[in-house]
Amino acid sequence: MAEEKEKLQEETQVTNDQDQIEKESIEPIFDEANVEEENPSSLENELVELQEKVVALEAQLEEKENRFLRLQADFENSRRRARLDFEAAQKYRAQELISDLLPVLDNFERALNVESDHEQTKSILQGMDMIYRSLLEALKKEGVEPIEAQGKEFDPHFHQAVMQVAEEGYDSNIVVEEFQKGYMLKDRVIRPSMVKVNQ
C-alpha cells in the first residue's frame, strides 16, 4: 500500500514536471506569435522604406548613366571637331601665304603683257617669265589652280561680275572677258575671278 502511494506520488511528480516543461516550451512560441502580431506594421513600414530607397537609387543611377552618356557624346563630338579642324588646318595651311602672293602673280602677268622691241627689255621679260612659271609651279604643288572663266558660264561661286554687256556671238550669262584671274586652293575658292558677263 505504501509502495503504491509512493509510486502514485512519483507519477504525479513526473506529470507535473512534464506539464511545466511543456508550458515553458509553449510560452516562447506564444511570445514569438505575439511579437509577430505586434511587428507586421513595422515590418511593412521597413519594406516600404526599402522600396522607396531602391526606387530613389534606381532614379539616381539612371540620371548618372544619362549624364555619362551625354558627356561621352560631347567628348566624341569634341574629338571629331578637333580632328576636322586639324585636317582643315593641314589642308589649307598655305592659304594666307598664297593670298598674299596673288597680287604678285597679277603684277607678273601685267609686266609680261608689255610688248617691247628692245633686246634688253625682252631678256628681262624672259627672266621674269621664268620666275613667274617657277612661282606658279610651286603654288601648283600646294594645290593652287587658276579658275577657268573666259567663255564659261557665269557661276557666282567662282566668278565675280563687275560688268554686264550685250555682245553678239555670246550666249546669255557667258563670261565675255576676265579682268582679274581667280584661284582655288584644292576645293576652296581663295579669290573669285573678276569678269565681264553677257546679259
Protein backbone atom coordinates (compact mmCIF):
# COMPACT_ATOMS: atom_id res chain seq x y z
CA MET A 1 0.00 0.00 0.00
CA ALA A 2 2.79 2.41 0.88
CA GLU A 3 4.60 1.39 -2.26
CA GLU A 4 1.56 2.15 -4.39
CA LYS A 5 1.24 5.51 -2.71
CA GLU A 6 4.88 6.34 -3.42
CA LYS A 7 4.51 5.19 -6.97
CA LEU A 8 1.44 7.40 -7.42
CA GLN A 9 3.29 10.38 -5.99
CA GLU A 10 6.21 9.77 -8.36
CA GLU A 11 3.87 9.57 -11.36
CA THR A 12 2.14 12.78 -10.26
CA GLN A 13 5.51 14.49 -9.91
CA VAL A 14 6.61 13.32 -13.36
CA THR A 15 3.32 14.56 -14.85
CA ASN A 16 3.74 17.92 -13.12
CA ASP A 17 7.32 18.16 -14.41
CA GLN A 18 6.17 17.34 -17.93
CA ASP A 19 3.42 19.96 -17.72
CA GLN A 20 5.98 22.52 -16.55
CA ILE A 21 8.34 21.65 -19.44
CA GLU A 22 5.51 21.88 -21.99
CA LYS A 23 4.38 25.19 -20.52
CA GLU A 24 7.92 26.58 -20.71
CA SER A 25 8.37 25.38 -24.30
CA ILE A 26 4.96 26.71 -25.40
CA GLU A 27 5.39 30.17 -23.80
CA PRO A 28 8.17 31.29 -26.16
CA ILE A 29 6.05 30.25 -29.15
CA PHE A 30 3.23 32.42 -27.87
CA ASP A 31 5.69 35.21 -27.21
CA GLU A 32 7.02 34.95 -30.82
CA ALA A 33 3.45 34.89 -32.12
CA ASN A 34 2.72 37.99 -30.08
CA VAL A 35 5.88 39.61 -31.47
CA GLU A 36 4.81 38.70 -35.00
CA GLU A 37 1.38 40.09 -34.31
CA GLU A 38 2.84 43.30 -32.94
CA ASN A 39 5.53 43.83 -35.68
CA PRO A 40 3.79 43.30 -39.05
CA SER A 41 3.11 47.04 -39.41
CA SER A 42 6.71 47.95 -38.55
CA LEU A 43 7.98 45.31 -40.99
CA GLU A 44 5.68 46.68 -43.67
CA ASN A 45 6.96 50.19 -42.95
CA GLU A 46 10.55 49.00 -43.25
CA LEU A 47 9.71 47.22 -46.52
CA VAL A 48 8.06 50.37 -47.90
CA GLU A 49 11.08 52.46 -46.86
CA LEU A 50 13.44 49.98 -48.52
CA GLN A 51 11.37 50.01 -51.70
CA GLU A 52 11.42 53.82 -51.73
CA LYS A 53 15.19 53.77 -51.28
CA VAL A 54 15.54 51.28 -54.14
CA VAL A 55 13.38 53.46 -56.40
CA ALA A 56 15.41 56.58 -55.45
CA LEU A 57 18.71 54.77 -56.07
CA GLU A 58 17.49 53.46 -59.42
CA ALA A 59 16.48 57.02 -60.42
CA GLN A 60 19.92 58.31 -59.36
CA LEU A 61 21.62 55.53 -61.30
CA GLU A 62 19.58 56.27 -64.43
CA GLU A 63 20.35 60.00 -64.13
CA LYS A 64 24.08 59.29 -63.74
CA GLU A 65 24.03 56.90 -66.70
CA ASN A 66 22.26 59.53 -68.86
CA ARG A 67 24.77 62.16 -67.74
CA PHE A 68 27.65 59.82 -68.51
CA LEU A 69 26.25 59.08 -71.99
CA ARG A 70 25.81 62.83 -72.68
CA LEU A 71 29.36 63.54 -71.54
CA GLN A 72 30.67 60.69 -73.68
CA ALA A 73 28.76 62.02 -76.73
CA ASP A 74 30.08 65.56 -76.07
CA PHE A 75 33.61 64.21 -75.79
CA GLU A 76 33.26 62.27 -79.07
CA ASN A 77 31.86 65.38 -80.79
CA SER A 78 34.74 67.48 -79.45
CA ARG A 79 37.28 64.93 -80.68
CA ARG A 80 35.65 64.82 -84.11
CA ARG A 81 35.55 68.64 -84.33
CA ALA A 82 39.18 68.88 -83.26
CA ARG A 83 40.18 66.26 -85.84
CA LEU A 84 38.25 68.05 -88.62
CA ASP A 85 39.75 71.41 -87.59
CA PHE A 86 43.24 69.88 -87.63
CA GLU A 87 42.66 68.28 -91.04
CA ALA A 88 41.34 71.58 -92.44
CA ALA A 89 44.31 73.45 -90.96
CA GLN A 90 46.68 70.98 -92.61
CA LYS A 91 44.80 71.03 -95.91
CA TYR A 92 44.66 74.84 -96.17
CA ARG A 93 47.84 75.65 -94.21
CA ALA A 94 49.28 77.76 -97.04
CA GLN A 95 46.11 79.79 -97.70
CA GLU A 96 47.28 83.01 -96.04
CA LEU A 97 50.65 82.96 -97.81
CA ILE A 98 49.00 82.18 -101.15
CA SER A 99 46.50 85.03 -100.66
CA ASP A 100 49.46 87.37 -100.11
CA LEU A 101 51.20 86.06 -103.26
CA LEU A 102 48.23 86.51 -105.61
CA PRO A 103 48.86 90.27 -106.15
CA VAL A 104 52.46 89.36 -107.00
CA LEU A 105 51.20 86.97 -109.69
CA ASP A 106 48.92 89.72 -111.02
CA ASN A 107 51.87 92.11 -111.28
CA PHE A 108 53.96 89.46 -113.05
CA GLU A 109 51.14 88.92 -115.58
CA ARG A 110 50.80 92.68 -116.21
CA ALA A 111 54.56 93.03 -116.68
CA LEU A 112 54.72 90.05 -119.04
CA ASN A 113 51.95 91.53 -121.21
CA VAL A 114 54.15 94.52 -122.02
CA GLU A 115 55.43 94.35 -125.59
CA SER A 116 58.84 95.67 -126.43
CA ASP A 117 61.24 95.53 -129.41
CA HIS A 118 64.22 96.36 -127.24
CA GLU A 119 66.51 93.33 -126.78
CA GLN A 120 67.46 94.15 -123.21
CA THR A 121 63.78 94.51 -122.21
CA LYS A 122 62.99 91.20 -123.93
CA SER A 123 65.71 89.41 -121.94
CA ILE A 124 64.40 90.93 -118.68
CA LEU A 125 60.86 89.83 -119.56
CA GLN A 126 62.17 86.36 -120.37
CA GLY A 127 63.79 86.15 -116.92
CA MET A 128 60.58 87.40 -115.30
CA ASP A 129 58.61 84.75 -117.22
CA MET A 130 60.89 82.04 -115.83
CA ILE A 131 60.37 83.33 -112.27
CA TYR A 132 56.62 83.56 -112.87
CA ARG A 133 56.43 79.96 -114.12
CA SER A 134 58.52 78.71 -111.17
CA LEU A 135 56.19 80.52 -108.77
CA LEU A 136 53.13 79.01 -110.48
CA GLU A 137 54.69 75.53 -110.29
CA ALA A 138 55.42 75.91 -106.57
CA LEU A 139 51.83 77.06 -105.95
CA LYS A 140 50.50 74.17 -108.04
CA LYS A 141 52.33 71.72 -105.76
CA GLU A 142 50.42 73.23 -102.84
CA GLY A 143 47.13 72.65 -104.67
CA VAL A 144 46.60 76.10 -106.21
CA GLU A 145 44.78 76.15 -109.55
CA PRO A 146 43.55 79.11 -111.63
CA ILE A 147 39.76 79.32 -112.15
CA GLU A 148 38.65 79.00 -115.76
CA ALA A 149 36.46 81.96 -116.67
CA GLN A 150 36.77 83.16 -120.28
CA GLY A 151 33.93 81.71 -122.41
CA LYS A 152 32.50 79.77 -119.43
CA GLU A 153 29.02 80.14 -117.98
CA PHE A 154 28.91 82.63 -115.12
CA ASP A 155 28.98 80.89 -111.72
CA PRO A 156 28.67 83.12 -108.64
CA HIS A 157 30.66 80.58 -106.61
CA PHE A 158 33.72 81.10 -108.82
CA HIS A 159 33.16 84.41 -110.61
CA GLN A 160 32.54 87.98 -109.52
CA ALA A 161 30.69 90.00 -112.17
CA VAL A 162 31.86 93.62 -112.31
CA MET A 163 30.25 94.43 -115.68
CA GLN A 164 27.34 93.29 -117.82
CA VAL A 165 27.32 93.77 -121.58
CA ALA A 166 25.19 92.81 -124.55
CA GLU A 167 27.59 91.41 -127.15
CA GLU A 168 26.87 89.44 -130.29
CA GLY A 169 28.36 85.99 -130.60
CA TYR A 170 27.96 85.13 -126.88
CA ASP A 171 25.08 83.35 -125.23
CA SER A 172 23.36 84.83 -122.22
CA ASN A 173 25.17 84.55 -118.90
CA ILE A 174 28.54 83.73 -120.51
CA VAL A 175 31.80 85.32 -119.34
CA VAL A 176 32.98 87.64 -122.11
CA GLU A 177 36.19 88.92 -120.52
CA GLU A 178 38.29 88.24 -117.42
CA PHE A 179 39.71 91.30 -115.64
CA GLN A 180 41.46 89.50 -112.80
CA LYS A 181 42.27 85.82 -112.58
CA GLY A 182 40.68 83.81 -109.78
CA TYR A 183 42.36 80.97 -107.87
CA MET A 184 41.36 77.90 -105.91
CA LEU A 185 43.26 76.11 -103.16
CA LYS A 186 42.25 72.45 -103.52
CA ASP A 187 38.44 72.66 -103.22
CA ARG A 188 38.24 76.16 -101.71
CA VAL A 189 37.97 79.42 -103.66
CA ILE A 190 40.70 81.79 -102.47
CA ARG A 191 39.76 84.55 -104.85
CA PRO A 192 36.93 84.60 -107.42
CA SER A 193 37.61 85.74 -110.97
CA MET A 194 36.58 89.33 -111.74
CA VAL A 195 34.68 89.11 -115.02
CA LYS A 196 32.50 90.82 -117.62
CA VAL A 197 29.30 88.86 -118.27
CA ASN A 198 27.00 88.85 -121.28
CA GLN A 199 23.37 89.64 -120.49
